Structures are given as C-alpha cells and as structure tokens.
PDB file of N, CA and C in Angstrom:
ATOM      1  N   MET A   1       0.856  -1.200   0.018  1.00  0.00           N
ATOM      2  CA  MET A   1       0.022  -0.004  -0.019  1.00  0.00           C
ATOM      3  C   MET A   1       0.892   1.236   0.002  1.00  0.00           C
ATOM      4  N   GLN A   2       0.413   2.268  -0.707  1.00  0.00           N
ATOM      5  CA  GLN A   2       1.144   3.500  -0.792  1.00  0.00           C
ATOM      6  C   GLN A   2       0.301   4.673  -0.318  1.00  0.00           C
ATOM      7  N   ILE A   3       0.865   5.548   0.466  1.00  0.00           N
ATOM      8  CA  ILE A   3       0.109   6.754   0.920  1.00  0.00           C
ATOM      9  C   ILE A   3       0.243   7.776  -0.102  1.00  0.00           C
ATOM     10  N   ASN A   4      -0.942   8.391  -0.465  1.00  0.00           N
ATOM     11  CA  ASN A   4      -0.995   9.337  -1.539  1.00  0.00           C
ATOM     12  C   ASN A   4      -1.695  10.582  -1.054  1.00  0.00           C
ATOM     13  N   LYS A   5      -0.977  11.713  -1.019  1.00  0.00           N
ATOM     14  CA  LYS A   5      -1.583  13.034  -0.615  1.00  0.00           C
ATOM     15  C   LYS A   5      -1.808  13.928  -1.821  1.00  0.00           C
ATOM     16  N   THR A   6      -1.772  13.378  -3.000  1.00  0.00           N
ATOM     17  CA  THR A   6      -1.846  14.228  -4.194  1.00  0.00           C
ATOM     18  C   THR A   6      -3.188  14.983  -4.318  1.00  0.00           C
ATOM     19  N   ASN A   7      -4.258  14.442  -3.670  1.00  0.00           N
ATOM     20  CA  ASN A   7      -5.571  15.148  -3.869  1.00  0.00           C
ATOM     21  C   ASN A   7      -5.837  15.949  -2.567  1.00  0.00           C
ATOM     22  N   ALA A   8      -4.934  16.124  -1.687  1.00  0.00           N
ATOM     23  CA  ALA A   8      -5.129  17.018  -0.591  1.00  0.00           C
ATOM     24  C   ALA A   8      -5.034  18.491  -0.962  1.00  0.00           C
ATOM     25  N   ARG A   9      -5.902  19.279  -0.534  1.00  0.00           N
ATOM     26  CA  ARG A   9      -5.973  20.689  -0.938  1.00  0.00           C
ATOM     27  C   ARG A   9      -5.252  21.583   0.139  1.00  0.00           C
ATOM     28  N   GLU A  10      -4.792  22.741  -0.241  1.00  0.00           N
ATOM     29  CA  GLU A  10      -4.214  23.664   0.656  1.00  0.00           C
ATOM     30  C   GLU A  10      -5.276  24.407   1.497  1.00  0.00           C
ATOM     31  N   VAL A  11      -4.944  25.040   2.552  1.00  0.00           N
ATOM     32  CA  VAL A  11      -5.952  25.762   3.282  1.00  0.00           C
ATOM     33  C   VAL A  11      -6.462  26.933   2.423  1.00  0.00           C
ATOM     34  N   VAL A  12      -7.705  27.129   2.435  1.00  0.00           N
ATOM     35  CA  VAL A  12      -8.381  28.288   1.683  1.00  0.00           C
ATOM     36  C   VAL A  12      -9.166  29.029   2.668  1.00  0.00           C
ATOM     37  N   GLU A  13      -9.011  30.342   2.674  1.00  0.00           N
ATOM     38  CA  GLU A  13      -9.888  31.186   3.499  1.00  0.00           C
ATOM     39  C   GLU A  13     -11.149  31.498   2.675  1.00  0.00           C
ATOM     40  N   THR A  14     -12.257  30.942   3.028  1.00  0.00           N
ATOM     41  CA  THR A  14     -13.455  31.097   2.214  1.00  0.00           C
ATOM     42  C   THR A  14     -14.119  32.406   2.447  1.00  0.00           C
ATOM     43  N   GLU A  15     -13.934  32.997   3.619  1.00  0.00           N
ATOM     44  CA  GLU A  15     -14.279  34.357   3.935  1.00  0.00           C
ATOM     45  C   GLU A  15     -13.512  34.651   5.266  1.00  0.00           C
ATOM     46  N   PRO A  16     -13.505  35.952   5.653  1.00  0.00           N
ATOM     47  CA  PRO A  16     -12.725  36.292   6.855  1.00  0.00           C
ATOM     48  C   PRO A  16     -13.164  35.438   8.033  1.00  0.00           C
ATOM     49  N   GLY A  17     -12.157  34.820   8.763  1.00  0.00           N
ATOM     50  CA  GLY A  17     -12.548  34.008   9.931  1.00  0.00           C
ATOM     51  C   GLY A  17     -12.928  32.530   9.618  1.00  0.00           C
ATOM     52  N   ARG A  18     -12.883  32.152   8.386  1.00  0.00           N
ATOM     53  CA  ARG A  18     -13.368  30.780   8.011  1.00  0.00           C
ATOM     54  C   ARG A  18     -12.297  30.210   7.044  1.00  0.00           C
ATOM     55  N   ARG A  19     -11.686  29.152   7.497  1.00  0.00           N
ATOM     56  CA  ARG A  19     -10.692  28.423   6.658  1.00  0.00           C
ATOM     57  C   ARG A  19     -11.051  27.029   6.444  1.00  0.00           C
ATOM     58  N   ARG A  20     -10.749  26.519   5.256  1.00  0.00           N
ATOM     59  CA  ARG A  20     -11.144  25.156   4.889  1.00  0.00           C
ATOM     60  C   ARG A  20     -10.007  24.447   4.171  1.00  0.00           C
ATOM     61  N   ARG A  21      -9.827  23.155   4.535  1.00  0.00           N
ATOM     62  CA  ARG A  21      -8.867  22.280   3.893  1.00  0.00           C
ATOM     63  C   ARG A  21      -9.542  20.899   3.645  1.00  0.00           C
ATOM     64  N   LEU A  22      -9.257  20.276   2.517  1.00  0.00           N
ATOM     65  CA  LEU A  22     -10.010  19.041   2.225  1.00  0.00           C
ATOM     66  C   LEU A  22      -9.127  18.045   1.561  1.00  0.00           C
ATOM     67  N   ILE A  23      -9.598  16.764   1.604  1.00  0.00           N
ATOM     68  CA  ILE A  23      -9.050  15.680   0.851  1.00  0.00           C
ATOM     69  C   ILE A  23     -10.217  14.866   0.385  1.00  0.00           C
ATOM     70  N   HIS A  24     -10.039  14.109  -0.703  1.00  0.00           N
ATOM     71  CA  HIS A  24     -11.138  13.309  -1.186  1.00  0.00           C
ATOM     72  C   HIS A  24     -10.659  12.098  -1.998  1.00  0.00           C
ATOM     73  N   THR A  25     -11.626  11.131  -2.113  1.00  0.00           N
ATOM     74  CA  THR A  25     -11.430  10.001  -3.037  1.00  0.00           C
ATOM     75  C   THR A  25     -12.456  10.245  -4.135  1.00  0.00           C
ATOM     76  N   ASP A  26     -12.732   9.183  -4.916  1.00  0.00           N
ATOM     77  CA  ASP A  26     -13.727   9.391  -5.930  1.00  0.00           C
ATOM     78  C   ASP A  26     -15.152   9.529  -5.369  1.00  0.00           C
ATOM     79  N   SER A  27     -15.367   9.032  -4.127  1.00  0.00           N
ATOM     80  CA  SER A  27     -16.738   9.039  -3.612  1.00  0.00           C
ATOM     81  C   SER A  27     -16.915   9.640  -2.184  1.00  0.00           C
ATOM     82  N   LEU A  28     -15.829   9.992  -1.543  1.00  0.00           N
ATOM     83  CA  LEU A  28     -15.839  10.519  -0.194  1.00  0.00           C
ATOM     84  C   LEU A  28     -14.936  11.766  -0.091  1.00  0.00           C
ATOM     85  N   MET A  29     -15.467  12.690   0.648  1.00  0.00           N
ATOM     86  CA  MET A  29     -14.710  13.964   0.886  1.00  0.00           C
ATOM     87  C   MET A  29     -14.704  14.238   2.356  1.00  0.00           C
ATOM     88  N   VAL A  30     -13.490  14.626   2.879  1.00  0.00           N
ATOM     89  CA  VAL A  30     -13.323  15.061   4.283  1.00  0.00           C
ATOM     90  C   VAL A  30     -12.807  16.424   4.284  1.00  0.00           C
ATOM     91  N   VAL A  31     -13.528  17.342   5.016  1.00  0.00           N
ATOM     92  CA  VAL A  31     -13.235  18.764   5.051  1.00  0.00           C
ATOM     93  C   VAL A  31     -12.911  19.172   6.456  1.00  0.00           C
ATOM     94  N   GLU A  32     -11.811  19.867   6.687  1.00  0.00           N
ATOM     95  CA  GLU A  32     -11.439  20.453   7.955  1.00  0.00           C
ATOM     96  C   GLU A  32     -11.759  21.887   7.890  1.00  0.00           C
ATOM     97  N   TRP A  33     -12.536  22.378   8.876  1.00  0.00           N
ATOM     98  CA  TRP A  33     -12.973  23.802   8.992  1.00  0.00           C
ATOM     99  C   TRP A  33     -12.332  24.385  10.225  1.00  0.00           C
ATOM    100  N   GLU A  34     -11.938  25.608  10.148  1.00  0.00           N
ATOM    101  CA  GLU A  34     -11.533  26.427  11.324  1.00  0.00           C
ATOM    102  C   GLU A  34     -12.322  27.779  11.295  1.00  0.00           C
ATOM    103  N   PHE A  35     -12.938  28.057  12.422  1.00  0.00           N
ATOM    104  CA  PHE A  35     -13.760  29.263  12.440  1.00  0.00           C
ATOM    105  C   PHE A  35     -13.291  30.131  13.655  1.00  0.00           C
ATOM    106  N   ALA A  36     -13.282  31.440  13.426  1.00  0.00           N
ATOM    107  CA  ALA A  36     -13.122  32.392  14.535  1.00  0.00           C
ATOM    108  C   ALA A  36     -14.388  32.926  15.015  1.00  0.00           C
ATOM    109  N   GLY A  37     -14.596  32.983  16.266  1.00  0.00           N
ATOM    110  CA  GLY A  37     -15.863  33.409  16.854  1.00  0.00           C
ATOM    111  C   GLY A  37     -15.647  34.291  18.085  1.00  0.00           C
ATOM    112  N   PRO A  38     -16.717  34.456  18.819  1.00  0.00           N
ATOM    113  CA  PRO A  38     -18.067  33.869  18.637  1.00  0.00           C
ATOM    114  C   PRO A  38     -18.868  34.668  17.619  1.00  0.00           C
ATOM    115  N   TRP A  39     -19.903  34.020  17.089  1.00  0.00           N
ATOM    116  CA  TRP A  39     -20.842  34.681  16.152  1.00  0.00           C
ATOM    117  C   TRP A  39     -22.077  35.110  16.917  1.00  0.00           C
ATOM    118  N   LYS A  40     -22.619  36.285  16.553  1.00  0.00           N
ATOM    119  CA  LYS A  40     -23.839  36.744  17.206  1.00  0.00           C
ATOM    120  C   LYS A  40     -25.035  35.966  16.725  1.00  0.00           C
ATOM    121  N   GLU A  41     -25.035  35.557  15.515  1.00  0.00           N
ATOM    122  CA  GLU A  41     -26.199  34.817  14.918  1.00  0.00           C
ATOM    123  C   GLU A  41     -25.707  33.564  14.205  1.00  0.00           C
ATOM    124  N   PRO A  42     -26.530  32.562  14.067  1.00  0.00           N
ATOM    125  CA  PRO A  42     -26.180  31.376  13.222  1.00  0.00           C
ATOM    126  C   PRO A  42     -26.141  31.780  11.730  1.00  0.00           C
ATOM    127  N   ASP A  43     -25.310  30.932  11.039  1.00  0.00           N
ATOM    128  CA  ASP A  43     -25.367  31.078   9.578  1.00  0.00           C
ATOM    129  C   ASP A  43     -26.756  30.835   9.049  1.00  0.00           C
ATOM    130  N   PRO A  44     -27.068  31.305   7.877  1.00  0.00           N
ATOM    131  CA  PRO A  44     -28.411  30.910   7.295  1.00  0.00           C
ATOM    132  C   PRO A  44     -28.432  29.431   7.048  1.00  0.00           C
ATOM    133  N   PRO A  45     -29.541  28.772   7.276  1.00  0.00           N
ATOM    134  CA  PRO A  45     -29.682  27.318   7.002  1.00  0.00           C
ATOM    135  C   PRO A  45     -29.450  27.014   5.509  1.00  0.00           C
ATOM    136  N   HIS A  46     -28.830  25.896   5.263  1.00  0.00           N
ATOM    137  CA  HIS A  46     -28.636  25.415   3.870  1.00  0.00           C
ATOM    138  C   HIS A  46     -28.873  23.887   3.882  1.00  0.00           C
ATOM    139  N   ALA A  47     -29.081  23.380   2.659  1.00  0.00           N
ATOM    140  CA  ALA A  47     -29.289  21.888   2.515  1.00  0.00           C
ATOM    141  C   ALA A  47     -28.585  21.538   1.215  1.00  0.00           C
ATOM    142  N   HIS A  48     -28.174  20.240   1.150  1.00  0.00           N
ATOM    143  CA  HIS A  48     -27.557  19.700  -0.049  1.00  0.00           C
ATOM    144  C   HIS A  48     -27.901  18.227  -0.169  1.00  0.00           C
ATOM    145  N   PRO A  49     -27.726  17.597  -1.356  1.00  0.00           N
ATOM    146  CA  PRO A  49     -28.101  16.184  -1.504  1.00  0.00           C
ATOM    147  C   PRO A  49     -27.090  15.225  -0.877  1.00  0.00           C
ATOM    148  N   HIS A  50     -26.055  15.699  -0.295  1.00  0.00           N
ATOM    149  CA  HIS A  50     -24.982  14.877   0.242  1.00  0.00           C
ATOM    150  C   HIS A  50     -25.317  14.363   1.684  1.00  0.00           C
ATOM    151  N   GLU A  51     -24.897  13.168   2.022  1.00  0.00           N
ATOM    152  CA  GLU A  51     -24.890  12.726   3.350  1.00  0.00           C
ATOM    153  C   GLU A  51     -23.737  13.411   4.059  1.00  0.00           C
ATOM    154  N   GLN A  52     -23.885  13.771   5.342  1.00  0.00           N
ATOM    155  CA  GLN A  52     -22.795  14.445   6.064  1.00  0.00           C
ATOM    156  C   GLN A  52     -22.678  13.978   7.429  1.00  0.00           C
ATOM    157  N   VAL A  53     -21.455  13.847   7.885  1.00  0.00           N
ATOM    158  CA  VAL A  53     -21.192  13.568   9.341  1.00  0.00           C
ATOM    159  C   VAL A  53     -20.213  14.638   9.765  1.00  0.00           C
ATOM    160  N   THR A  54     -20.509  15.285  10.907  1.00  0.00           N
ATOM    161  CA  THR A  54     -19.657  16.320  11.472  1.00  0.00           C
ATOM    162  C   THR A  54     -19.114  15.885  12.845  1.00  0.00           C
ATOM    163  N   TYR A  55     -17.824  16.038  13.027  1.00  0.00           N
ATOM    164  CA  TYR A  55     -17.134  15.809  14.245  1.00  0.00           C
ATOM    165  C   TYR A  55     -16.507  17.035  14.767  1.00  0.00           C
ATOM    166  N   LEU A  56     -16.928  17.540  15.963  1.00  0.00           N
ATOM    167  CA  LEU A  56     -16.340  18.736  16.497  1.00  0.00           C
ATOM    168  C   LEU A  56     -14.982  18.429  17.249  1.00  0.00           C
ATOM    169  N   VAL A  57     -13.932  18.922  16.714  1.00  0.00           N
ATOM    170  CA  VAL A  57     -12.570  18.685  17.253  1.00  0.00           C
ATOM    171  C   VAL A  57     -12.311  19.547  18.450  1.00  0.00           C
ATOM    172  N   ALA A  58     -12.579  20.886  18.323  1.00  0.00           N
ATOM    173  CA  ALA A  58     -12.298  21.862  19.349  1.00  0.00           C
ATOM    174  C   ALA A  58     -13.334  22.921  19.304  1.00  0.00           C
ATOM    175  N   GLY A  59     -13.630  23.505  20.538  1.00  0.00           N
ATOM    176  CA  GLY A  59     -14.516  24.645  20.624  1.00  0.00           C
ATOM    177  C   GLY A  59     -15.951  24.185  20.941  1.00  0.00           C
ATOM    178  N   GLU A  60     -16.868  25.126  20.759  1.00  0.00           N
ATOM    179  CA  GLU A  60     -18.239  24.878  21.060  1.00  0.00           C
ATOM    180  C   GLU A  60     -19.157  25.630  20.025  1.00  0.00           C
ATOM    181  N   ILE A  61     -20.174  24.897  19.572  1.00  0.00           N
ATOM    182  CA  ILE A  61     -21.086  25.485  18.623  1.00  0.00           C
ATOM    183  C   ILE A  61     -22.542  25.116  18.975  1.00  0.00           C
ATOM    184  N   LEU A  62     -23.464  25.832  18.362  1.00  0.00           N
ATOM    185  CA  LEU A  62     -24.831  25.362  18.312  1.00  0.00           C
ATOM    186  C   LEU A  62     -24.990  24.787  16.917  1.00  0.00           C
ATOM    187  N   PHE A  63     -25.514  23.602  16.823  1.00  0.00           N
ATOM    188  CA  PHE A  63     -25.765  22.856  15.506  1.00  0.00           C
ATOM    189  C   PHE A  63     -27.274  22.818  15.325  1.00  0.00           C
ATOM    190  N   PHE A  64     -27.756  23.361  14.305  1.00  0.00           N
ATOM    191  CA  PHE A  64     -29.193  23.356  14.040  1.00  0.00           C
ATOM    192  C   PHE A  64     -29.451  22.359  12.900  1.00  0.00           C
ATOM    193  N   LEU A  65     -30.382  21.475  13.132  1.00  0.00           N
ATOM    194  CA  LEU A  65     -30.841  20.460  12.105  1.00  0.00           C
ATOM    195  C   LEU A  65     -32.336  20.554  12.086  1.00  0.00           C
ATOM    196  N   GLY A  66     -32.835  21.123  10.948  1.00  0.00           N
ATOM    197  CA  GLY A  66     -34.262  21.370  10.889  1.00  0.00           C
ATOM    198  C   GLY A  66     -34.585  22.476  11.913  1.00  0.00           C
ATOM    199  N   ASP A  67     -35.608  22.136  12.769  1.00  0.00           N
ATOM    200  CA  ASP A  67     -36.081  23.089  13.787  1.00  0.00           C
ATOM    201  C   ASP A  67     -35.365  22.873  15.208  1.00  0.00           C
ATOM    202  N   GLU A  68     -34.474  21.793  15.167  1.00  0.00           N
ATOM    203  CA  GLU A  68     -33.845  21.458  16.446  1.00  0.00           C
ATOM    204  C   GLU A  68     -32.443  22.051  16.543  1.00  0.00           C
ATOM    205  N   GLY A  69     -32.119  22.624  17.644  1.00  0.00           N
ATOM    206  CA  GLY A  69     -30.681  23.111  17.912  1.00  0.00           C
ATOM    207  C   GLY A  69     -30.095  22.418  19.084  1.00  0.00           C
ATOM    208  N   ARG A  70     -28.827  22.012  18.892  1.00  0.00           N
ATOM    209  CA  ARG A  70     -28.162  21.301  20.075  1.00  0.00           C
ATOM    210  C   ARG A  70     -26.761  21.940  20.196  1.00  0.00           C
ATOM    211  N   ARG A  71     -26.367  22.088  21.499  1.00  0.00           N
ATOM    212  CA  ARG A  71     -25.031  22.597  21.812  1.00  0.00           C
ATOM    213  C   ARG A  71     -24.039  21.404  21.667  1.00  0.00           C
ATOM    214  N   LEU A  72     -23.048  21.640  20.889  1.00  0.00           N
ATOM    215  CA  LEU A  72     -22.028  20.624  20.663  1.00  0.00           C
ATOM    216  C   LEU A  72     -20.621  21.113  21.253  1.00  0.00           C
ATOM    217  N   ARG A  73     -19.954  20.191  21.854  1.00  0.00           N
ATOM    218  CA  ARG A  73     -18.614  20.486  22.374  1.00  0.00           C
ATOM    219  C   ARG A  73     -17.621  19.494  21.767  1.00  0.00           C
ATOM    220  N   ALA A  74     -16.327  19.806  21.954  1.00  0.00           N
ATOM    221  CA  ALA A  74     -15.270  18.933  21.401  1.00  0.00           C
ATOM    222  C   ALA A  74     -15.542  17.453  21.759  1.00  0.00           C
ATOM    223  N   GLY A  75     -15.471  16.644  20.682  1.00  0.00           N
ATOM    224  CA  GLY A  75     -15.732  15.243  20.771  1.00  0.00           C
ATOM    225  C   GLY A  75     -17.156  14.828  20.413  1.00  0.00           C
ATOM    226  N   ASP A  76     -18.060  15.741  20.254  1.00  0.00           N
ATOM    227  CA  ASP A  76     -19.463  15.461  19.791  1.00  0.00           C
ATOM    228  C   ASP A  76     -19.462  15.237  18.271  1.00  0.00           C
ATOM    229  N   MET A  77     -20.447  14.437  17.843  1.00  0.00           N
ATOM    230  CA  MET A  77     -20.697  14.193  16.398  1.00  0.00           C
ATOM    231  C   MET A  77     -22.159  14.281  16.101  1.00  0.00           C
ATOM    232  N   VAL A  78     -22.450  14.590  14.841  1.00  0.00           N
ATOM    233  CA  VAL A  78     -23.788  14.638  14.405  1.00  0.00           C
ATOM    234  C   VAL A  78     -23.845  14.152  12.913  1.00  0.00           C
ATOM    235  N   ALA A  79     -24.918  13.445  12.591  1.00  0.00           N
ATOM    236  CA  ALA A  79     -25.193  12.997  11.184  1.00  0.00           C
ATOM    237  C   ALA A  79     -26.280  13.849  10.601  1.00  0.00           C
ATOM    238  N   VAL A  80     -26.073  14.236   9.333  1.00  0.00           N
ATOM    239  CA  VAL A  80     -26.998  15.069   8.598  1.00  0.00           C
ATOM    240  C   VAL A  80     -27.493  14.287   7.415  1.00  0.00           C
ATOM    241  N   PRO A  81     -28.798  13.922   7.339  1.00  0.00           N
ATOM    242  CA  PRO A  81     -29.271  13.204   6.123  1.00  0.00           C
ATOM    243  C   PRO A  81     -29.316  14.089   4.911  1.00  0.00           C
ATOM    244  N   PRO A  82     -29.380  13.530   3.747  1.00  0.00           N
ATOM    245  CA  PRO A  82     -29.416  14.320   2.495  1.00  0.00           C
ATOM    246  C   PRO A  82     -30.657  15.300   2.534  1.00  0.00           C
ATOM    247  N   ASP A  83     -30.448  16.432   2.004  1.00  0.00           N
ATOM    248  CA  ASP A  83     -31.514  17.481   1.819  1.00  0.00           C
ATOM    249  C   ASP A  83     -32.077  18.053   3.105  1.00  0.00           C
ATOM    250  N   ALA A  84     -31.501  17.752   4.234  1.00  0.00           N
ATOM    251  CA  ALA A  84     -31.947  18.341   5.532  1.00  0.00           C
ATOM    252  C   ALA A  84     -31.310  19.701   5.707  1.00  0.00           C
ATOM    253  N   ALA A  85     -32.148  20.670   6.054  1.00  0.00           N
ATOM    254  CA  ALA A  85     -31.698  22.024   6.351  1.00  0.00           C
ATOM    255  C   ALA A  85     -30.898  22.001   7.674  1.00  0.00           C
ATOM    256  N   HIS A  86     -29.757  22.699   7.690  1.00  0.00           N
ATOM    257  CA  HIS A  86     -28.838  22.764   8.831  1.00  0.00           C
ATOM    258  C   HIS A  86     -28.026  23.943   8.767  1.00  0.00           C
ATOM    259  N   CYS A  87     -27.412  24.334   9.932  1.00  0.00           N
ATOM    260  CA  CYS A  87     -26.490  25.428  10.034  1.00  0.00           C
ATOM    261  C   CYS A  87     -25.823  25.436  11.369  1.00  0.00           C
ATOM    262  N   ILE A  88     -24.833  26.247  11.603  1.00  0.00           N
ATOM    263  CA  ILE A  88     -24.140  26.316  12.893  1.00  0.00           C
ATOM    264  C   ILE A  88     -24.086  27.786  13.329  1.00  0.00           C
ATOM    265  N   GLN A  89     -23.860  27.940  14.688  1.00  0.00           N
ATOM    266  CA  GLN A  89     -23.475  29.179  15.280  1.00  0.00           C
ATOM    267  C   GLN A  89     -22.290  28.925  16.118  1.00  0.00           C
ATOM    268  N   VAL A  90     -21.170  29.639  15.863  1.00  0.00           N
ATOM    269  CA  VAL A  90     -19.959  29.437  16.639  1.00  0.00           C
ATOM    270  C   VAL A  90     -20.095  30.213  17.970  1.00  0.00           C
ATOM    271  N   LEU A  91     -19.806  29.452  19.096  1.00  0.00           N
ATOM    272  CA  LEU A  91     -20.024  30.025  20.393  1.00  0.00           C
ATOM    273  C   LEU A  91     -18.653  30.358  21.098  1.00  0.00           C
ATOM    274  N   SER A  92     -17.547  29.737  20.638  1.00  0.00           N
ATOM    275  CA  SER A  92     -16.260  30.001  21.254  1.00  0.00           C
ATOM    276  C   SER A  92     -15.294  30.718  20.391  1.00  0.00           C
ATOM    277  N   GLN A  93     -14.151  31.168  20.914  1.00  0.00           N
ATOM    278  CA  GLN A  93     -13.231  31.963  20.170  1.00  0.00           C
ATOM    279  C   GLN A  93     -12.714  31.197  18.925  1.00  0.00           C
ATOM    280  N   ARG A  94     -12.419  29.974  19.092  1.00  0.00           N
ATOM    281  CA  ARG A  94     -11.912  29.115  17.964  1.00  0.00           C
ATOM    282  C   ARG A  94     -12.713  27.852  17.861  1.00  0.00           C
ATOM    283  N   VAL A  95     -13.073  27.422  16.694  1.00  0.00           N
ATOM    284  CA  VAL A  95     -13.753  26.179  16.512  1.00  0.00           C
ATOM    285  C   VAL A  95     -13.020  25.451  15.349  1.00  0.00           C
ATOM    286  N   ARG A  96     -12.813  24.179  15.592  1.00  0.00           N
ATOM    287  CA  ARG A  96     -12.335  23.302  14.534  1.00  0.00           C
ATOM    288  C   ARG A  96     -13.202  22.085  14.429  1.00  0.00           C
ATOM    289  N   LEU A  97     -13.682  21.816  13.199  1.00  0.00           N
ATOM    290  CA  LEU A  97     -14.512  20.724  12.986  1.00  0.00           C
ATOM    291  C   LEU A  97     -14.170  19.979  11.702  1.00  0.00           C
ATOM    292  N   ILE A  98     -14.569  18.693  11.609  1.00  0.00           N
ATOM    293  CA  ILE A  98     -14.348  17.853  10.504  1.00  0.00           C
ATOM    294  C   ILE A  98     -15.672  17.437   9.911  1.00  0.00           C
ATOM    295  N   ASP A  99     -15.940  17.685   8.590  1.00  0.00           N
ATOM    296  CA  ASP A  99     -17.124  17.246   7.903  1.00  0.00           C
ATOM    297  C   ASP A  99     -16.715  16.124   6.912  1.00  0.00           C
ATOM    298  N   ALA A 100     -17.484  15.043   6.878  1.00  0.00           N
ATOM    299  CA  ALA A 100     -17.322  14.037   5.893  1.00  0.00           C
ATOM    300  C   ALA A 100     -18.525  14.037   4.983  1.00  0.00           C
ATOM    301  N   PHE A 101     -18.409  13.983   3.672  1.00  0.00           N
ATOM    302  CA  PHE A 101     -19.428  14.033   2.696  1.00  0.00           C
ATOM    303  C   PHE A 101     -19.412  12.888   1.733  1.00  0.00           C
ATOM    304  N   THR A 102     -20.548  12.339   1.416  1.00  0.00           N
ATOM    305  CA  THR A 102     -20.652  11.461   0.241  1.00  0.00           C
ATOM    306  C   THR A 102     -21.972  11.707  -0.395  1.00  0.00           C
ATOM    307  N   PRO A 103     -21.993  11.828  -1.769  1.00  0.00           N
ATOM    308  CA  PRO A 103     -20.848  11.957  -2.629  1.00  0.00           C
ATOM    309  C   PRO A 103     -20.040  13.239  -2.451  1.00  0.00           C
ATOM    310  N   LEU A 104     -19.074  13.486  -3.344  1.00  0.00           N
ATOM    311  CA  LEU A 104     -18.235  14.724  -3.216  1.00  0.00           C
ATOM    312  C   LEU A 104     -19.094  15.977  -3.342  1.00  0.00           C
ATOM    313  N   ARG A 105     -18.634  17.018  -2.665  1.00  0.00           N
ATOM    314  CA  ARG A 105     -19.191  18.354  -2.864  1.00  0.00           C
ATOM    315  C   ARG A 105     -18.417  19.026  -3.914  1.00  0.00           C
ATOM    316  N   GLN A 106     -18.851  18.900  -5.148  1.00  0.00           N
ATOM    317  CA  GLN A 106     -18.144  19.383  -6.297  1.00  0.00           C
ATOM    318  C   GLN A 106     -17.881  20.888  -6.239  1.00  0.00           C
ATOM    319  N   GLU A 107     -18.747  21.641  -5.569  1.00  0.00           N
ATOM    320  CA  GLU A 107     -18.545  23.069  -5.416  1.00  0.00           C
ATOM    321  C   GLU A 107     -17.366  23.439  -4.548  1.00  0.00           C
ATOM    322  N   PHE A 108     -16.877  22.484  -3.783  1.00  0.00           N
ATOM    323  CA  PHE A 108     -15.677  22.718  -2.952  1.00  0.00           C
ATOM    324  C   PHE A 108     -14.396  22.471  -3.718  1.00  0.00           C
ATOM    325  N   LEU A 109     -14.430  21.862  -4.863  1.00  0.00           N
ATOM    326  CA  LEU A 109     -13.280  21.525  -5.612  1.00  0.00           C
ATOM    327  C   LEU A 109     -12.778  22.690  -6.469  1.00  0.00           C
TER     328      LEU A 109
END
C-alpha cells in the first residue's frame, strides 16, 4: 500500500474568519474547517443532497438540524441526512470541525 496525498488541498480562507482544507477520493470527501468566533447569529440554514457527518474537534457550537438546535462540544458528532436544512453558530473563540461528505461536494473543488 502507498500513501498518496496528491488530492489534498491547501488551506483556503473562504471568507474572513473561515478556513477550509480538504481531501477526497472518488466518492468520499473530508473537510477540515476552522472558524473564529463567537458569532452573534447562526449562519443561514442550507441543504444539499450529500450525506454529512460532522465531528467537533475543538470549541463549542450550536448545531441546528431542521427546527432542532443542540449545543456541541469537542468530541461530539452529528449526522445530517441528504436534503436536511442545517447550520451552525460558533460560540467559542476558535472552532475546529471535520465534515465528511458522500458523494463529493463538487462546489468545494
């Protein structure tokens, strides 16, 4: 077996205070996010046809899935079904989380 990092992407600042880095295979994408906070309001809800699992590495957020909001801390995980509206609000100074998507989020490439 050979380790291959050729499809790993460099860190991209998607907007001030939000950085993204990703790696993918043909059918799976893992995205590392870093956010500076806290935020006064949650992001607007969004939905996509991809399955998503989120793992909170560091910090604290409010994670909204549909009409339900949950406080997540480092070590917590959440699964998001396809087409489910969801968003976050960053509660701490620094947040780091990992999102896994299948299929790939082509708009991130």
